[in-house]
């Protein structure tokens, strides 16, 4: 069961910010993987689009709690 489901507003905000930080780290490692040619362009673009969409959703949830 996700932690933030039953948490109060402040705890939800903390969980979402932690998730956002982890997503930023994932973006960084994805870019590094692409730069060292571990990922081809097509896979990089596909993953980046999905990660960006998740980031928008997280940002919206964080904004709604402030």
PDB file of N, CA and C in Angstrom:
ATOM      1  N   UNK A   1       0.853  -1.176   0.000  1.00  0.00           N
ATOM      2  CA  UNK A   1       0.000   0.000   0.000  1.00  0.00           C
ATOM      3  C   UNK A   1       0.903   1.244   0.000  1.00  0.00           C
ATOM      4  N   UNK A   2       0.696   2.164  -0.922  1.00  0.00           N
ATOM      5  CA  UNK A   2       1.508   3.381  -0.976  1.00  0.00           C
ATOM      6  C   UNK A   2       1.389   4.195   0.300  1.00  0.00           C
ATOM      7  N   UNK A   3       2.525   4.721   0.705  1.00  0.00           N
ATOM      8  CA  UNK A   3       2.599   5.500   1.934  1.00  0.00           C
ATOM      9  C   UNK A   3       1.700   6.726   1.917  1.00  0.00           C
ATOM     10  N   UNK A   4       1.666   7.409   0.792  1.00  0.00           N
ATOM     11  CA  UNK A   4       0.971   8.689   0.727  1.00  0.00           C
ATOM     12  C   UNK A   4      -0.550   8.552   0.724  1.00  0.00           C
ATOM     13  N   UNK A   5      -1.074   7.360   0.494  1.00  0.00           N
ATOM     14  CA  UNK A   5      -2.527   7.187   0.426  1.00  0.00           C
ATOM     15  C   UNK A   5      -3.247   7.692   1.664  1.00  0.00           C
ATOM     16  N   UNK A   6      -2.749   7.308   2.827  1.00  0.00           N
ATOM     17  CA  UNK A   6      -3.437   7.629   4.071  1.00  0.00           C
ATOM     18  C   UNK A   6      -2.703   8.674   4.900  1.00  0.00           C
ATOM     19  N   UNK A   7      -1.719   9.315   4.322  1.00  0.00           N
ATOM     20  CA  UNK A   7      -0.935  10.319   5.039  1.00  0.00           C
ATOM     21  C   UNK A   7      -1.661  11.660   5.048  1.00  0.00           C
ATOM     22  N   UNK A   8      -1.292  12.496   6.011  1.00  0.00           N
ATOM     23  CA  UNK A   8      -1.860  13.841   6.009  1.00  0.00           C
ATOM     24  C   UNK A   8      -1.148  14.674   4.938  1.00  0.00           C
ATOM     25  N   UNK A   9      -1.609  15.893   4.769  1.00  0.00           N
ATOM     26  CA  UNK A   9      -1.147  16.751   3.668  1.00  0.00           C
ATOM     27  C   UNK A   9       0.368  16.958   3.684  1.00  0.00           C
ATOM     28  N   UNK A  10       0.923  17.218   4.838  1.00  0.00           N
ATOM     29  CA  UNK A  10       2.369  17.476   4.934  1.00  0.00           C
ATOM     30  C   UNK A  10       3.165  16.216   4.596  1.00  0.00           C
ATOM     31  N   UNK A  11       2.719  15.068   5.102  1.00  0.00           N
ATOM     32  CA  UNK A  11       3.419  13.824   4.801  1.00  0.00           C
ATOM     33  C   UNK A  11       3.313  13.468   3.323  1.00  0.00           C
ATOM     34  N   UNK A  12       2.152  13.736   2.711  1.00  0.00           N
ATOM     35  CA  UNK A  12       1.997  13.503   1.275  1.00  0.00           C
ATOM     36  C   UNK A  12       2.973  14.362   0.491  1.00  0.00           C
ATOM     37  N   UNK A  13       3.080  15.628   0.885  1.00  0.00           N
ATOM     38  CA  UNK A  13       3.988  16.545   0.199  1.00  0.00           C
ATOM     39  C   UNK A  13       5.430  16.054   0.305  1.00  0.00           C
ATOM     40  N   UNK A  14       5.811  15.575   1.476  1.00  0.00           N
ATOM     41  CA  UNK A  14       7.165  15.039   1.666  1.00  0.00           C
ATOM     42  C   UNK A  14       7.394  13.835   0.762  1.00  0.00           C
ATOM     43  N   UNK A  15       6.433  12.920   0.712  1.00  0.00           N
ATOM     44  CA  UNK A  15       6.554  11.725  -0.148  1.00  0.00           C
ATOM     45  C   UNK A  15       6.661  12.108  -1.618  1.00  0.00           C
ATOM     46  N   UNK A  16       5.836  13.057  -2.045  1.00  0.00           N
ATOM     47  CA  UNK A  16       5.853  13.474  -3.447  1.00  0.00           C
ATOM     48  C   UNK A  16       7.151  14.185  -3.813  1.00  0.00           C
ATOM     49  N   UNK A  17       7.667  15.002  -2.904  1.00  0.00           N
ATOM     50  CA  UNK A  17       8.937  15.676  -3.174  1.00  0.00           C
ATOM     51  C   UNK A  17      10.081  14.676  -3.236  1.00  0.00           C
ATOM     52  N   UNK A  18      10.021  13.660  -2.379  1.00  0.00           N
ATOM     53  CA  UNK A  18      11.038  12.608  -2.411  1.00  0.00           C
ATOM     54  C   UNK A  18      10.963  11.860  -3.749  1.00  0.00           C
ATOM     55  N   UNK A  19       9.769  11.568  -4.199  1.00  0.00           N
ATOM     56  CA  UNK A  19       9.592  10.899  -5.492  1.00  0.00           C
ATOM     57  C   UNK A  19      10.108  11.775  -6.629  1.00  0.00           C
ATOM     58  N   UNK A  20       9.859  13.079  -6.538  1.00  0.00           N
ATOM     59  CA  UNK A  20      10.325  14.004  -7.565  1.00  0.00           C
ATOM     60  C   UNK A  20      11.854  14.039  -7.617  1.00  0.00           C
ATOM     61  N   UNK A  21      12.481  14.006  -6.457  1.00  0.00           N
ATOM     62  CA  UNK A  21      13.941  13.989  -6.398  1.00  0.00           C
ATOM     63  C   UNK A  21      14.487  12.715  -7.032  1.00  0.00           C
ATOM     64  N   UNK A  22      13.851  11.592  -6.743  1.00  0.00           N
ATOM     65  CA  UNK A  22      14.285  10.328  -7.337  1.00  0.00           C
ATOM     66  C   UNK A  22      14.070  10.321  -8.842  1.00  0.00           C
ATOM     67  N   UNK A  23      13.006  10.949  -9.291  1.00  0.00           N
ATOM     68  CA  UNK A  23      12.754  11.043 -10.728  1.00  0.00           C
ATOM     69  C   UNK A  23      13.825  11.894 -11.413  1.00  0.00           C
ATOM     70  N   UNK A  24      14.240  12.978 -10.758  1.00  0.00           N
ATOM     71  CA  UNK A  24      15.324  13.802 -11.309  1.00  0.00           C
ATOM     72  C   UNK A  24      16.611  12.995 -11.428  1.00  0.00           C
ATOM     73  N   UNK A  25      16.878  12.161 -10.440  1.00  0.00           N
ATOM     74  CA  UNK A  25      18.062  11.308 -10.483  1.00  0.00           C
ATOM     75  C   UNK A  25      17.956  10.309 -11.639  1.00  0.00           C
ATOM     76  N   UNK A  26      16.768   9.764 -11.836  1.00  0.00           N
ATOM     77  CA  UNK A  26      16.542   8.848 -12.951  1.00  0.00           C
ATOM     78  C   UNK A  26      16.774   9.553 -14.291  1.00  0.00           C
ATOM     79  N   UNK A  27      16.300  10.784 -14.413  1.00  0.00           N
ATOM     80  CA  UNK A  27      16.530  11.564 -15.642  1.00  0.00           C
ATOM     81  C   UNK A  27      18.023  11.731 -15.900  1.00  0.00           C
ATOM     82  N   UNK A  28      18.761  12.031 -14.835  1.00  0.00           N
ATOM     83  CA  UNK A  28      20.203  12.221 -14.965  1.00  0.00           C
ATOM     84  C   UNK A  28      20.879  10.945 -15.478  1.00  0.00           C
ATOM     85  N   UNK A  29      20.563   9.815 -14.852  1.00  0.00           N
ATOM     86  CA  UNK A  29      21.185   8.556 -15.263  1.00  0.00           C
ATOM     87  C   UNK A  29      20.750   8.130 -16.665  1.00  0.00           C
ATOM     88  N   UNK A  30      19.540   8.449 -17.022  1.00  0.00           N
ATOM     89  CA  UNK A  30      19.074   8.158 -18.380  1.00  0.00           C
ATOM     90  C   UNK A  30      19.900   8.943 -19.395  1.00  0.00           C
ATOM     91  N   UNK A  31      20.123  10.214 -19.107  1.00  0.00           N
ATOM     92  CA  UNK A  31      20.910  11.038 -20.026  1.00  0.00           C
ATOM     93  C   UNK A  31      22.356  10.559 -20.100  1.00  0.00           C
ATOM     94  N   UNK A  32      22.928  10.197 -18.964  1.00  0.00           N
ATOM     95  CA  UNK A  32      24.293   9.682 -18.966  1.00  0.00           C
ATOM     96  C   UNK A  32      24.369   8.392 -19.790  1.00  0.00           C
ATOM     97  N   UNK A  33      23.383   7.525 -19.618  1.00  0.00           N
ATOM     98  CA  UNK A  33      23.347   6.273 -20.394  1.00  0.00           C
ATOM     99  C   UNK A  33      23.297   6.551 -21.885  1.00  0.00           C
ATOM    100  N   UNK A  34      22.527   7.552 -22.264  1.00  0.00           N
ATOM    101  CA  UNK A  34      22.424   7.915 -23.679  1.00  0.00           C
ATOM    102  C   UNK A  34      23.751   8.499 -24.173  1.00  0.00           C
ATOM    103  N   UNK A  35      24.370   9.357 -23.358  1.00  0.00           N
ATOM    104  CA  UNK A  35      25.616  10.000 -23.773  1.00  0.00           C
ATOM    105  C   UNK A  35      26.761   9.017 -23.945  1.00  0.00           C
ATOM    106  N   UNK A  36      26.771   7.954 -23.160  1.00  0.00           N
ATOM    107  CA  UNK A  36      27.838   6.957 -23.296  1.00  0.00           C
ATOM    108  C   UNK A  36      27.439   5.837 -24.264  1.00  0.00           C
ATOM    109  N   UNK A  37      26.339   6.070 -24.980  1.00  0.00           N
ATOM    110  CA  UNK A  37      25.862   5.178 -26.040  1.00  0.00           C
ATOM    111  C   UNK A  37      25.363   3.822 -25.511  1.00  0.00           C
ATOM    112  N   UNK A  38      24.893   3.796 -24.269  1.00  0.00           N
ATOM    113  CA  UNK A  38      24.268   2.575 -23.749  1.00  0.00           C
ATOM    114  C   UNK A  38      22.828   2.446 -24.232  1.00  0.00           C
ATOM    115  N   UNK A  39      22.247   3.573 -24.610  1.00  0.00           N
ATOM    116  CA  UNK A  39      20.886   3.601 -25.148  1.00  0.00           C
ATOM    117  C   UNK A  39      20.909   4.224 -26.534  1.00  0.00           C
ATOM    118  N   UNK A  40      20.144   3.648 -27.448  1.00  0.00           N
ATOM    119  CA  UNK A  40      20.039   4.289 -28.759  1.00  0.00           C
ATOM    120  C   UNK A  40      19.047   5.456 -28.667  1.00  0.00           C
ATOM    121  N   UNK A  41      19.030   6.267 -29.697  1.00  0.00           N
ATOM    122  CA  UNK A  41      18.194   7.476 -29.695  1.00  0.00           C
ATOM    123  C   UNK A  41      16.715   7.165 -29.510  1.00  0.00           C
ATOM    124  N   UNK A  42      16.243   6.138 -30.193  1.00  0.00           N
ATOM    125  CA  UNK A  42      14.823   5.803 -30.137  1.00  0.00           C
ATOM    126  C   UNK A  42      14.399   5.422 -28.719  1.00  0.00           C
ATOM    127  N   UNK A  43      15.184   4.585 -28.062  1.00  0.00           N
ATOM    128  CA  UNK A  43      14.869   4.163 -26.694  1.00  0.00           C
ATOM    129  C   UNK A  43      14.970   5.348 -25.731  1.00  0.00           C
ATOM    130  N   UNK A  44      15.985   6.203 -25.929  1.00  0.00           N
ATOM    131  CA  UNK A  44      16.155   7.380 -25.072  1.00  0.00           C
ATOM    132  C   UNK A  44      14.947   8.309 -25.181  1.00  0.00           C
ATOM    133  N   UNK A  45      14.504   8.556 -26.397  1.00  0.00           N
ATOM    134  CA  UNK A  45      13.351   9.442 -26.607  1.00  0.00           C
ATOM    135  C   UNK A  45      12.099   8.844 -25.973  1.00  0.00           C
ATOM    136  N   UNK A  46      11.901   7.558 -26.168  1.00  0.00           N
ATOM    137  CA  UNK A  46      10.731   6.883 -25.614  1.00  0.00           C
ATOM    138  C   UNK A  46      10.708   6.971 -24.087  1.00  0.00           C
ATOM    139  N   UNK A  47      11.820   6.652 -23.462  1.00  0.00           N
ATOM    140  CA  UNK A  47      11.891   6.711 -21.997  1.00  0.00           C
ATOM    141  C   UNK A  47      11.781   8.145 -21.484  1.00  0.00           C
ATOM    142  N   UNK A  48      12.418   9.076 -22.180  1.00  0.00           N
ATOM    143  CA  UNK A  48      12.364  10.485 -21.759  1.00  0.00           C
ATOM    144  C   UNK A  48      10.944  11.027 -21.773  1.00  0.00           C
ATOM    145  N   UNK A  49      10.190  10.676 -22.800  1.00  0.00           N
ATOM    146  CA  UNK A  49       8.805  11.139 -22.885  1.00  0.00           C
ATOM    147  C   UNK A  49       7.981  10.623 -21.710  1.00  0.00           C
ATOM    148  N   UNK A  50       8.160   9.358 -21.372  1.00  0.00           N
ATOM    149  CA  UNK A  50       7.423   8.773 -20.254  1.00  0.00           C
ATOM    150  C   UNK A  50       7.831   9.404 -18.927  1.00  0.00           C
ATOM    151  N   UNK A  51       9.120   9.612 -18.741  1.00  0.00           N
ATOM    152  CA  UNK A  51       9.609  10.219 -17.504  1.00  0.00           C
ATOM    153  C   UNK A  51       9.132  11.663 -17.389  1.00  0.00           C
ATOM    154  N   UNK A  52       9.119  12.394 -18.492  1.00  0.00           N
ATOM    155  CA  UNK A  52       8.633  13.775 -18.462  1.00  0.00           C
ATOM    156  C   UNK A  52       7.158  13.832 -18.092  1.00  0.00           C
ATOM    157  N   UNK A  53       6.381  12.899 -18.589  1.00  0.00           N
ATOM    158  CA  UNK A  53       4.954  12.851 -18.257  1.00  0.00           C
ATOM    159  C   UNK A  53       4.759  12.570 -16.768  1.00  0.00           C
ATOM    160  N   UNK A  54       5.545  11.659 -16.238  1.00  0.00           N
ATOM    161  CA  UNK A  54       5.481  11.371 -14.799  1.00  0.00           C
ATOM    162  C   UNK A  54       5.859  12.619 -14.009  1.00  0.00           C
ATOM    163  N   UNK A  55       6.866  13.337 -14.468  1.00  0.00           N
ATOM    164  CA  UNK A  55       7.288  14.573 -13.802  1.00  0.00           C
ATOM    165  C   UNK A  55       6.184  15.618 -13.786  1.00  0.00           C
ATOM    166  N   UNK A  56       5.468  15.737 -14.884  1.00  0.00           N
ATOM    167  CA  UNK A  56       4.348  16.687 -14.939  1.00  0.00           C
ATOM    168  C   UNK A  56       3.264  16.304 -13.942  1.00  0.00           C
ATOM    169  N   UNK A  57       2.988  15.007 -13.862  1.00  0.00           N
ATOM    170  CA  UNK A  57       1.972  14.541 -12.923  1.00  0.00           C
ATOM    171  C   UNK A  57       2.408  14.798 -11.479  1.00  0.00           C
ATOM    172  N   UNK A  58       3.648  14.478 -11.162  1.00  0.00           N
ATOM    173  CA  UNK A  58       4.156  14.739  -9.813  1.00  0.00           C
ATOM    174  C   UNK A  58       4.112  16.229  -9.489  1.00  0.00           C
ATOM    175  N   UNK A  59       4.529  17.053 -10.442  1.00  0.00           N
ATOM    176  CA  UNK A  59       4.498  18.498 -10.241  1.00  0.00           C
ATOM    177  C   UNK A  59       3.089  19.009  -9.973  1.00  0.00           C
ATOM    178  N   UNK A  60       2.122  18.470 -10.695  1.00  0.00           N
ATOM    179  CA  UNK A  60       0.732  18.866 -10.480  1.00  0.00           C
ATOM    180  C   UNK A  60       0.229  18.465  -9.107  1.00  0.00           C
ATOM    181  N   UNK A  61       0.581  17.258  -8.673  1.00  0.00           N
ATOM    182  CA  UNK A  61       0.155  16.807  -7.351  1.00  0.00           C
ATOM    183  C   UNK A  61       0.793  17.651  -6.255  1.00  0.00           C
ATOM    184  N   UNK A  62       2.081  17.958  -6.442  1.00  0.00           N
ATOM    185  CA  UNK A  62       2.786  18.790  -5.452  1.00  0.00           C
ATOM    186  C   UNK A  62       2.149  20.174  -5.389  1.00  0.00           C
ATOM    187  N   UNK A  63       1.876  20.747  -6.545  1.00  0.00           N
ATOM    188  CA  UNK A  63       1.263  22.069  -6.609  1.00  0.00           C
ATOM    189  C   UNK A  63      -0.111  22.076  -5.952  1.00  0.00           C
ATOM    190  N   UNK A  64      -0.875  21.012  -6.142  1.00  0.00           N
ATOM    191  CA  UNK A  64      -2.224  20.956  -5.566  1.00  0.00           C
ATOM    192  C   UNK A  64      -2.200  20.867  -4.041  1.00  0.00           C
ATOM    193  N   UNK A  65      -1.095  20.375  -3.479  1.00  0.00           N
ATOM    194  CA  UNK A  65      -0.999  20.262  -2.028  1.00  0.00           C
ATOM    195  C   UNK A  65      -0.473  21.524  -1.363  1.00  0.00           C
ATOM    196  N   UNK A  66       0.103  22.425  -2.137  1.00  0.00           N
ATOM    197  CA  UNK A  66       0.664  23.651  -1.542  1.00  0.00           C
ATOM    198  C   UNK A  66      -0.403  24.691  -1.321  1.00  0.00           C
TER     199      UNK A  66
END
